[in-house]
Amino acid sequence: MSDHRSSLSTSAELFARARKHIPGGVNSPVRAFRGLDREPFFVARAEGAKIWDVEGKEYIDYVGTWGPAILGHAPRVVTDAVRDAATRGVSFGIPNPYEVEMAELICRWIPSIEKVRMVNSGTEATMSCIRLARGFTARDKIIKFDGCYHGHVDSLLVNAGSGALTHGQPDSAGVPREFAALTLALPFNDIEMVRRAFRDNKGQIAAVILEPIPANAGLYFAGENFLQDLRDECAREGTLLIFDEVMTGFRVARGGAQELYNITPDLTALGKVIGGGLPVGAFGGRAEIMDQLSPEGPVYQAGTLSGNPLAMAAGLAQLRELERIGGWRLLEQLGAQLEEATRATLRTLGLPLTFQRIGSMFCLYFTAGPVADLASAKSSDREAFARYFRACLDAGVYVAPSQFEAGFLSTAHSAADIDRTAAVVRRALS
């Protein structure tokens, strides 16, 4: 590793400078480390499963840029693809071959998506899904679920998770009451509340949107029949079912959560993994719905950088490599190793904590559980989590800086990394 310390300030100095010109000193709230009794560190370099701060300290990384780094940081196949694409131009604002290849791959790997449009973020993808659903159904109201975060869209910042939950602001100032009034926020895993909402708002609900695997209030799972019941209720009511797979798409399986659960949504929002670490989003679904988008239909959506050649090249390289190496099988093996080690520690120490995992995603809740919705997730001891986070960070293991975020493994993590992490976790919990 080259030495960046001679050219960069310390993390403390950079944070002080950042706070003068960036609100809170960060460009996304959870990065501020609020409630953790320490300031954030600044990264100088990342490679594989490791990151190095500007002082040169090494960490095993379980955040992975919040999910996109499924092959680890700066994998050669991705950096080569970006470098090659960049020599031809970094942005065109004109159609390019990469976006066609990406659309074909997405539609081939996710059968529910017959047509897809590229955007620049997960927020843009979910926002566009909502607008499209309203245009297609000629209805205004939507149902979302407590703790499911769908980006900082006005009508979706109602009982949201992720950074909003971490900072004690599950709703945001600046969101008009009229927008929020069109959003029905219901408890996750409560199908009877969904049925009641449909009865009370007959013919008014355009869409039900959810994370099929909620991962923005930690990580919890749908009950045995919940997703199928949602599918059935939406079909009965003429309401579109939207899966927000920005986080789970191409991570928990090649076809995302909808492949695991064998549920077919009407629309799907994607992001993170499909950009190889570059800014990206996408949304797609049935052709008859997608054809309502301009220029074919009356629902307007546009973006100067949509289908950016660098992001498309990076994402294509990452997805193809993931399939080539059997990435999902490897990620499951690594996840199982981490889970076994963590559960062994909890048993040995007699700690009534809750560890939850699916594939390469995981969360350690500081509560006895069970955790199956936002209310049970919020029973976690945040002060205990903060102590755990600080102990892990001091020992060179970087876990998500919030009790209400999932952790991520990559194919770059090794069995030795997991063993070292398990030892750090044991000390941190002792």
Protein backbone atom coordinates (compact mmCIF):
# COMPACT_ATOMS: atom_id res chain seq x y z
CA MET A 1 0.00 0.00 0.00
CA SER A 2 1.32 3.46 -0.86
CA ASP A 3 1.63 5.93 1.99
CA HIS A 4 -1.07 8.62 1.79
CA ARG A 5 -0.29 10.10 5.19
CA SER A 6 2.18 12.65 3.86
CA SER A 7 -0.43 14.22 1.57
CA LEU A 8 -3.62 13.90 3.64
CA SER A 9 -4.68 15.41 6.94
CA THR A 10 -5.79 13.31 9.89
CA SER A 11 -9.43 12.25 10.16
CA ALA A 12 -9.97 14.77 12.96
CA GLU A 13 -8.54 17.59 10.86
CA LEU A 14 -10.58 16.60 7.81
CA PHE A 15 -13.79 16.38 9.83
CA ALA A 16 -13.18 19.84 11.30
CA ARG A 17 -12.66 21.23 7.80
CA ALA A 18 -15.69 19.37 6.46
CA ARG A 19 -18.01 20.75 9.15
CA LYS A 20 -17.25 24.27 7.96
CA HIS A 21 -18.54 23.64 4.45
CA ILE A 22 -20.67 20.43 4.52
CA PRO A 23 -23.81 20.14 6.71
CA GLY A 24 -22.83 17.95 9.65
CA GLY A 25 -19.48 17.39 7.99
CA VAL A 26 -20.84 14.49 5.88
CA ASN A 27 -22.72 13.93 2.64
CA SER A 28 -25.02 11.24 4.05
CA PRO A 29 -26.22 11.37 7.69
CA VAL A 30 -25.24 7.90 8.97
CA ARG A 31 -21.59 8.65 8.16
CA ALA A 32 -21.49 11.22 10.96
CA PHE A 33 -21.31 8.46 13.65
CA ARG A 34 -23.88 10.30 15.77
CA GLY A 35 -24.75 8.45 18.97
CA LEU A 36 -21.48 6.50 18.86
CA ASP A 37 -19.44 8.91 20.98
CA ARG A 38 -16.72 9.36 18.40
CA GLU A 39 -16.06 11.23 15.21
CA PRO A 40 -16.00 9.48 11.82
CA PHE A 41 -12.78 8.37 10.21
CA PHE A 42 -11.83 9.26 6.65
CA VAL A 43 -10.78 6.60 4.15
CA ALA A 44 -7.70 6.98 1.97
CA ARG A 45 -7.83 3.66 0.13
CA ALA A 46 -9.78 0.41 -0.18
CA GLU A 47 -8.86 -2.93 -1.73
CA GLY A 48 -10.45 -6.34 -1.42
CA ALA A 49 -12.05 -6.74 2.01
CA LYS A 50 -9.90 -4.01 3.59
CA ILE A 51 -9.98 -0.25 3.94
CA TRP A 52 -7.29 2.09 5.23
CA ASP A 53 -7.92 5.41 6.91
CA VAL A 54 -5.88 8.55 6.23
CA GLU A 55 -3.62 7.74 9.18
CA GLY A 56 -2.82 4.36 7.60
CA LYS A 57 -4.82 2.11 9.96
CA GLU A 58 -6.24 -1.04 8.34
CA TYR A 59 -9.78 -2.34 8.87
CA ILE A 60 -11.69 -5.41 7.73
CA ASP A 61 -14.73 -3.82 6.11
CA TYR A 62 -18.27 -5.19 6.58
CA VAL A 63 -20.04 -2.16 5.12
CA GLY A 64 -18.81 -2.50 1.54
CA THR A 65 -19.98 1.00 0.55
CA TRP A 66 -23.40 -0.07 1.93
CA GLY A 67 -23.72 -3.07 -0.35
CA PRO A 68 -22.32 -2.44 -3.84
CA ALA A 69 -18.85 -3.94 -3.18
CA ILE A 70 -19.98 -7.56 -3.54
CA LEU A 71 -16.62 -8.53 -5.08
CA GLY A 72 -14.76 -6.41 -2.56
CA HIS A 73 -13.18 -3.04 -3.15
CA ALA A 74 -11.48 -2.18 -6.43
CA PRO A 75 -11.66 -5.65 -7.99
CA ARG A 76 -9.39 -5.82 -11.01
CA VAL A 77 -12.18 -6.87 -13.35
CA VAL A 78 -14.18 -3.74 -12.45
CA THR A 79 -11.34 -1.23 -12.43
CA ASP A 80 -10.14 -2.51 -15.79
CA ALA A 81 -13.65 -2.16 -17.23
CA VAL A 82 -13.96 1.40 -15.92
CA ARG A 83 -10.53 2.35 -17.20
CA ASP A 84 -11.30 0.93 -20.63
CA ALA A 85 -14.69 2.65 -20.82
CA ALA A 86 -13.23 5.97 -19.66
CA THR A 87 -10.80 6.07 -22.57
CA ARG A 88 -13.86 6.28 -24.84
CA GLY A 89 -15.53 9.07 -22.87
CA VAL A 90 -16.95 9.38 -19.36
CA SER A 91 -20.43 10.60 -20.30
CA PHE A 92 -22.38 11.08 -23.51
CA GLY A 93 -26.01 11.97 -22.85
CA ILE A 94 -26.59 9.76 -25.89
CA PRO A 95 -27.49 6.05 -25.91
CA ASN A 96 -24.49 3.73 -25.59
CA PRO A 97 -24.01 -0.04 -26.03
CA TYR A 98 -23.34 -0.71 -22.33
CA GLU A 99 -26.84 0.30 -21.27
CA VAL A 100 -28.38 -2.10 -23.80
CA GLU A 101 -26.22 -4.94 -22.48
CA MET A 102 -27.17 -4.09 -18.90
CA ALA A 103 -30.88 -4.00 -19.74
CA GLU A 104 -30.62 -7.38 -21.45
CA LEU A 105 -28.80 -8.90 -18.48
CA ILE A 106 -31.29 -7.56 -15.93
CA CYS A 107 -34.28 -8.80 -17.90
CA ARG A 108 -32.64 -12.21 -18.35
CA TRP A 109 -31.74 -12.65 -14.68
CA ILE A 110 -34.98 -11.23 -13.20
CA PRO A 111 -37.96 -12.70 -15.07
CA SER A 112 -40.48 -10.23 -13.57
CA ILE A 113 -38.66 -7.43 -15.42
CA GLU A 114 -39.60 -7.31 -19.08
CA LYS A 115 -38.37 -3.76 -19.61
CA VAL A 116 -36.05 -1.63 -17.49
CA ARG A 117 -34.87 1.95 -17.33
CA MET A 118 -31.57 3.11 -15.86
CA VAL A 119 -31.36 5.96 -13.36
CA ASN A 120 -28.67 7.29 -11.03
CA SER A 121 -29.61 6.16 -7.52
CA GLY A 122 -31.89 3.90 -5.53
CA THR A 123 -33.90 6.92 -4.46
CA GLU A 124 -34.49 7.83 -8.10
CA ALA A 125 -35.56 4.25 -8.81
CA THR A 126 -38.17 4.08 -6.04
CA MET A 127 -39.42 7.59 -6.78
CA SER A 128 -39.91 6.63 -10.41
CA CYS A 129 -41.71 3.41 -9.46
CA ILE A 130 -44.21 5.38 -7.38
CA ARG A 131 -44.85 7.94 -10.12
CA LEU A 132 -45.25 5.18 -12.69
CA ALA A 133 -47.64 3.22 -10.47
CA ARG A 134 -49.78 6.29 -9.95
CA GLY A 135 -49.81 7.03 -13.65
CA PHE A 136 -50.64 3.45 -14.59
CA THR A 137 -53.45 2.99 -12.06
CA ALA A 138 -54.76 6.58 -12.01
CA ARG A 139 -54.73 6.36 -8.19
CA ASP A 140 -52.86 8.46 -5.66
CA LYS A 141 -52.34 6.56 -2.39
CA ILE A 142 -49.56 4.11 -1.59
CA ILE A 143 -48.87 1.65 1.21
CA LYS A 144 -45.40 1.33 2.72
CA PHE A 145 -44.18 -0.41 5.86
CA ASP A 146 -42.63 0.90 9.05
CA GLY A 147 -38.86 0.61 8.95
CA CYS A 148 -38.64 0.09 5.18
CA TYR A 149 -36.46 2.87 3.77
CA HIS A 150 -36.89 3.68 0.10
CA GLY A 151 -34.61 6.68 -0.23
CA HIS A 152 -35.27 10.30 0.60
CA VAL A 153 -38.42 10.60 -1.51
CA ASP A 154 -40.95 13.00 0.04
CA SER A 155 -43.89 10.62 0.06
CA LEU A 156 -41.76 7.72 1.34
CA LEU A 157 -40.11 9.45 4.31
CA VAL A 158 -42.88 8.27 6.61
CA ASN A 159 -41.82 5.87 9.38
CA ALA A 160 -38.66 5.21 7.39
CA GLY A 161 -35.59 3.30 8.48
CA SER A 162 -31.90 3.75 7.68
CA GLY A 163 -30.29 7.08 8.61
CA ALA A 164 -33.63 8.68 9.43
CA LEU A 165 -34.21 6.08 12.13
CA THR A 166 -30.64 6.19 13.42
CA HIS A 167 -30.88 9.92 13.99
CA GLY A 168 -34.24 9.79 15.72
CA GLN A 169 -36.03 11.51 12.85
CA PRO A 170 -38.17 8.86 11.15
CA ASP A 171 -39.97 11.68 9.34
CA SER A 172 -38.34 14.71 7.72
CA ALA A 173 -38.98 18.40 7.93
CA GLY A 174 -39.77 19.84 4.51
CA VAL A 175 -42.22 17.10 3.56
CA PRO A 176 -45.67 18.64 3.01
CA ARG A 177 -48.49 17.10 5.03
CA GLU A 178 -50.39 16.58 1.79
CA PHE A 179 -47.66 14.25 0.52
CA ALA A 180 -47.53 12.27 3.74
CA ALA A 181 -51.32 11.99 3.76
CA LEU A 182 -51.15 9.95 0.57
CA THR A 183 -48.87 7.40 2.23
CA LEU A 184 -50.30 4.71 4.50
CA ALA A 185 -47.52 3.41 6.77
CA LEU A 186 -48.33 -0.01 8.21
CA PRO A 187 -46.52 -2.49 10.49
CA PHE A 188 -44.41 -4.99 8.59
CA ASN A 189 -45.66 -8.59 8.70
CA ASP A 190 -49.24 -7.56 9.54
CA ILE A 191 -51.38 -8.65 6.60
CA GLU A 192 -54.63 -7.86 8.42
CA MET A 193 -53.65 -4.20 8.59
CA VAL A 194 -53.03 -4.30 4.84
CA ARG A 195 -56.48 -5.76 4.23
CA ARG A 196 -58.03 -3.12 6.45
CA ALA A 197 -56.21 -0.37 4.55
CA PHE A 198 -57.57 -1.71 1.28
CA ARG A 199 -61.10 -1.82 2.70
CA ASP A 200 -60.87 1.73 4.07
CA ASN A 201 -59.37 3.12 0.84
CA LYS A 202 -61.26 1.14 -1.77
CA GLY A 203 -60.04 1.85 -5.29
CA GLN A 204 -57.55 4.49 -4.12
CA ILE A 205 -54.29 2.59 -3.57
CA ALA A 206 -51.90 2.70 -6.52
CA ALA A 207 -49.10 0.58 -5.07
CA VAL A 208 -47.72 -1.34 -2.15
CA ILE A 209 -43.95 -0.83 -1.84
CA LEU A 210 -41.65 -2.76 0.46
CA GLU A 211 -38.23 -4.24 0.89
CA PRO A 212 -38.93 -7.97 0.56
CA ILE A 213 -36.06 -8.37 3.02
CA PRO A 214 -36.06 -5.23 5.18
CA ALA A 215 -32.45 -4.17 5.70
CA ASN A 216 -32.72 -0.54 6.75
CA ALA A 217 -33.81 -1.18 10.32
CA GLY A 218 -31.16 -3.84 10.78
CA LEU A 219 -32.22 -7.05 9.06
CA TYR A 220 -35.44 -8.99 9.53
CA PHE A 221 -37.64 -11.20 7.45
CA ALA A 222 -41.14 -11.61 6.12
CA GLY A 223 -43.36 -14.16 7.84
CA GLU A 224 -44.08 -17.44 6.09
CA ASN A 225 -47.02 -16.24 3.97
CA PHE A 226 -46.69 -12.46 4.18
CA LEU A 227 -45.21 -11.80 0.73
CA GLN A 228 -47.57 -14.20 -1.03
CA ASP A 229 -50.54 -12.68 0.80
CA LEU A 230 -49.41 -9.23 -0.34
CA ARG A 231 -49.14 -10.48 -3.90
CA ASP A 232 -52.67 -11.90 -3.71
CA GLU A 233 -54.19 -8.78 -2.13
CA CYS A 234 -52.60 -6.47 -4.68
CA ALA A 235 -53.83 -8.61 -7.57
CA ARG A 236 -57.32 -8.63 -6.11
CA GLU A 237 -57.38 -4.84 -5.66
CA GLY A 238 -55.76 -3.84 -8.96
CA THR A 239 -52.82 -2.41 -7.01
CA LEU A 240 -49.21 -2.70 -8.15
CA LEU A 241 -46.74 -4.58 -5.93
CA ILE A 242 -43.32 -2.89 -5.89
CA PHE A 243 -40.25 -4.68 -4.55
CA ASP A 244 -37.45 -2.36 -3.47
CA GLU A 245 -34.47 -4.59 -4.22
CA VAL A 246 -31.92 -1.79 -4.29
CA MET A 247 -30.06 -3.67 -1.56
CA THR A 248 -31.03 -7.30 -2.18
CA GLY A 249 -31.03 -7.33 -5.98
CA PHE A 250 -28.20 -9.57 -7.28
CA ARG A 251 -26.90 -9.91 -3.71
CA VAL A 252 -29.04 -12.50 -1.94
CA ALA A 253 -29.42 -14.47 -5.19
CA ARG A 254 -28.87 -13.95 -8.90
CA GLY A 255 -32.54 -13.02 -9.26
CA GLY A 256 -32.77 -11.20 -5.93
CA ALA A 257 -35.22 -11.79 -3.10
CA GLN A 258 -38.03 -12.46 -5.56
CA GLU A 259 -36.11 -15.52 -6.75
CA LEU A 260 -35.64 -16.77 -3.19
CA TYR A 261 -39.29 -16.36 -2.28
CA ASN A 262 -40.75 -17.15 -5.71
CA ILE A 263 -42.89 -13.99 -5.69
CA THR A 264 -43.45 -11.91 -8.84
CA PRO A 265 -43.78 -8.16 -8.23
CA ASP A 266 -45.17 -5.76 -10.82
CA LEU A 267 -42.24 -3.35 -10.51
CA THR A 268 -38.75 -3.68 -9.05
CA ALA A 269 -36.27 -1.00 -7.97
CA LEU A 270 -32.57 -1.86 -8.25
CA GLY A 271 -29.25 -0.21 -7.45
CA LYS A 272 -25.96 -0.73 -5.61
CA VAL A 273 -24.53 -4.01 -6.99
CA ILE A 274 -25.47 -3.19 -10.61
CA GLY A 275 -23.11 -0.20 -10.62
CA GLY A 276 -19.96 -1.90 -9.38
CA GLY A 277 -19.52 0.94 -6.87
CA LEU A 278 -20.45 3.81 -9.18
CA PRO A 279 -23.67 5.85 -8.80
CA VAL A 280 -26.53 3.87 -10.33
CA GLY A 281 -30.14 2.79 -10.09
CA ALA A 282 -32.70 1.05 -12.25
CA PHE A 283 -36.37 0.18 -12.22
CA GLY A 284 -38.33 -2.23 -14.31
CA GLY A 285 -41.31 -4.52 -14.56
CA ARG A 286 -44.07 -5.67 -16.85
CA ALA A 287 -43.86 -4.21 -20.35
CA GLU A 288 -47.40 -2.82 -20.29
CA ILE A 289 -46.53 -0.78 -17.19
CA MET A 290 -43.07 0.34 -18.34
CA ASP A 291 -44.48 1.45 -21.70
CA GLN A 292 -46.35 4.19 -19.84
CA LEU A 293 -43.01 6.01 -19.52
CA SER A 294 -42.19 8.79 -21.92
CA PRO A 295 -41.48 8.89 -24.81
CA GLU A 296 -43.92 5.96 -25.24
CA GLY A 297 -46.45 7.07 -22.63
CA PRO A 298 -47.59 9.99 -20.45
CA VAL A 299 -45.43 9.37 -17.33
CA TYR A 300 -42.37 11.62 -17.49
CA GLN A 301 -38.97 10.50 -16.21
CA ALA A 302 -35.53 11.62 -17.37
CA GLY A 303 -31.90 11.92 -16.29
CA THR A 304 -28.81 13.40 -17.92
CA LEU A 305 -26.45 10.76 -16.53
CA SER A 306 -28.82 7.78 -16.74
CA GLY A 307 -27.09 4.82 -18.37
CA ASN A 308 -23.69 6.41 -17.75
CA PRO A 309 -21.09 4.32 -19.62
CA LEU A 310 -18.70 4.06 -16.68
CA ALA A 311 -21.40 2.83 -14.30
CA MET A 312 -22.79 0.40 -16.86
CA ALA A 313 -19.35 -0.99 -17.70
CA ALA A 314 -18.51 -1.41 -14.02
CA GLY A 315 -21.80 -3.09 -13.23
CA LEU A 316 -21.65 -5.47 -16.18
CA ALA A 317 -18.12 -6.51 -15.27
CA GLN A 318 -19.10 -7.12 -11.65
CA LEU A 319 -22.23 -9.12 -12.41
CA ARG A 320 -20.54 -11.29 -15.02
CA GLU A 321 -17.62 -12.00 -12.70
CA LEU A 322 -19.99 -12.82 -9.86
CA GLU A 323 -21.67 -15.43 -12.00
CA ARG A 324 -18.37 -16.77 -13.38
CA ILE A 325 -16.91 -17.49 -9.94
CA GLY A 326 -20.12 -18.86 -8.43
CA GLY A 327 -20.25 -15.85 -6.15
CA TRP A 328 -23.53 -16.60 -4.39
CA ARG A 329 -22.33 -20.03 -3.27
CA LEU A 330 -19.12 -18.51 -1.92
CA LEU A 331 -20.99 -15.72 -0.14
CA GLU A 332 -23.28 -18.24 1.53
CA GLN A 333 -20.28 -20.19 2.79
CA LEU A 334 -18.67 -17.06 4.24
CA GLY A 335 -21.97 -15.97 5.77
CA ALA A 336 -22.48 -19.36 7.39
CA GLN A 337 -18.97 -19.22 8.85
CA LEU A 338 -19.59 -15.77 10.32
CA GLU A 339 -22.97 -16.81 11.69
CA GLU A 340 -21.64 -19.97 13.31
CA ALA A 341 -18.79 -18.09 14.96
CA THR A 342 -21.04 -15.27 16.20
CA ARG A 343 -23.68 -17.62 17.59
CA ALA A 344 -20.98 -19.65 19.33
CA THR A 345 -19.74 -16.47 21.02
CA LEU A 346 -23.25 -15.52 22.14
CA ARG A 347 -23.78 -19.02 23.59
CA THR A 348 -20.42 -19.06 25.36
CA LEU A 349 -20.91 -15.61 26.88
CA GLY A 350 -24.57 -16.25 27.67
CA LEU A 351 -25.67 -13.09 25.89
CA PRO A 352 -29.37 -12.77 24.95
CA LEU A 353 -28.68 -10.99 21.66
CA THR A 354 -30.24 -11.67 18.25
CA PHE A 355 -28.13 -12.47 15.19
CA GLN A 356 -29.90 -12.56 11.83
CA ARG A 357 -28.47 -13.41 8.41
CA ILE A 358 -29.43 -14.21 4.86
CA GLY A 359 -26.63 -14.99 2.45
CA SER A 360 -24.04 -12.23 2.68
CA MET A 361 -26.22 -9.84 4.72
CA PHE A 362 -26.35 -9.88 8.52
CA CYS A 363 -27.20 -7.91 11.66
CA LEU A 364 -26.46 -8.33 15.36
CA TYR A 365 -29.32 -6.84 17.38
CA PHE A 366 -28.68 -5.86 20.97
CA THR A 367 -32.01 -7.27 22.10
CA ALA A 368 -33.23 -10.71 23.04
CA GLY A 369 -35.65 -10.68 20.12
CA PRO A 370 -37.32 -12.06 18.22
CA VAL A 371 -36.97 -9.22 15.70
CA ALA A 372 -39.53 -9.22 12.89
CA ASP A 373 -40.56 -5.58 12.54
CA LEU A 374 -39.56 -2.02 13.37
CA ALA A 375 -41.02 -2.08 16.88
CA SER A 376 -38.98 -5.13 17.92
CA ALA A 377 -35.84 -3.76 16.23
CA LYS A 378 -36.18 -0.54 18.23
CA SER A 379 -36.09 -2.53 21.49
CA SER A 380 -32.32 -2.85 20.94
CA ASP A 381 -29.92 -1.35 23.47
CA ARG A 382 -28.28 1.40 21.43
CA GLU A 383 -25.73 2.27 24.10
CA ALA A 384 -24.56 -1.36 24.19
CA PHE A 385 -24.33 -1.33 20.42
CA ALA A 386 -22.26 1.87 20.53
CA ARG A 387 -19.78 0.26 22.94
CA TYR A 388 -19.58 -2.80 20.69
CA PHE A 389 -19.04 -0.67 17.59
CA ARG A 390 -16.22 1.31 19.20
CA ALA A 391 -14.48 -1.84 20.43
CA CYS A 392 -14.65 -3.44 16.99
CA LEU A 393 -13.41 -0.30 15.26
CA ASP A 394 -10.50 0.09 17.67
CA ALA A 395 -9.54 -3.52 16.91
CA GLY A 396 -9.63 -2.98 13.15
CA VAL A 397 -13.08 -4.34 12.26
CA TYR A 398 -15.50 -1.89 10.65
CA VAL A 399 -19.17 -2.83 11.08
CA ALA A 400 -22.08 -0.60 10.13
CA PRO A 401 -22.09 2.49 12.39
CA SER A 402 -25.73 2.04 13.36
CA GLN A 403 -27.80 -0.62 15.10
CA PHE A 404 -30.30 -0.14 12.30
CA GLU A 405 -28.14 -1.08 9.31
CA ALA A 406 -27.21 -4.43 7.81
CA GLY A 407 -23.66 -5.65 7.38
CA PHE A 408 -22.30 -7.05 4.11
CA LEU A 409 -19.79 -9.69 3.13
CA SER A 410 -17.94 -9.79 -0.16
CA THR A 411 -16.27 -12.54 -2.14
CA ALA A 412 -12.98 -10.85 -1.21
CA HIS A 413 -13.41 -11.76 2.47
CA SER A 414 -11.37 -14.81 3.40
CA ALA A 415 -11.91 -17.51 6.00
CA ALA A 416 -9.00 -15.93 7.87
CA ASP A 417 -10.77 -12.55 7.84
CA ILE A 418 -13.85 -14.20 9.37
CA ASP A 419 -11.74 -15.93 12.04
CA ARG A 420 -10.03 -12.66 12.95
CA THR A 421 -13.40 -10.89 13.04
CA ALA A 422 -14.88 -13.59 15.29
CA ALA A 423 -12.05 -13.07 17.78
CA VAL A 424 -12.61 -9.29 17.75
CA VAL A 425 -16.38 -9.73 18.21
CA ARG A 426 -15.80 -12.04 21.17
CA ARG A 427 -13.55 -9.49 22.88
CA ALA A 428 -15.93 -6.64 22.06
CA LEU A 429 -18.84 -8.49 23.67
CA SER A 430 -16.95 -9.78 26.71
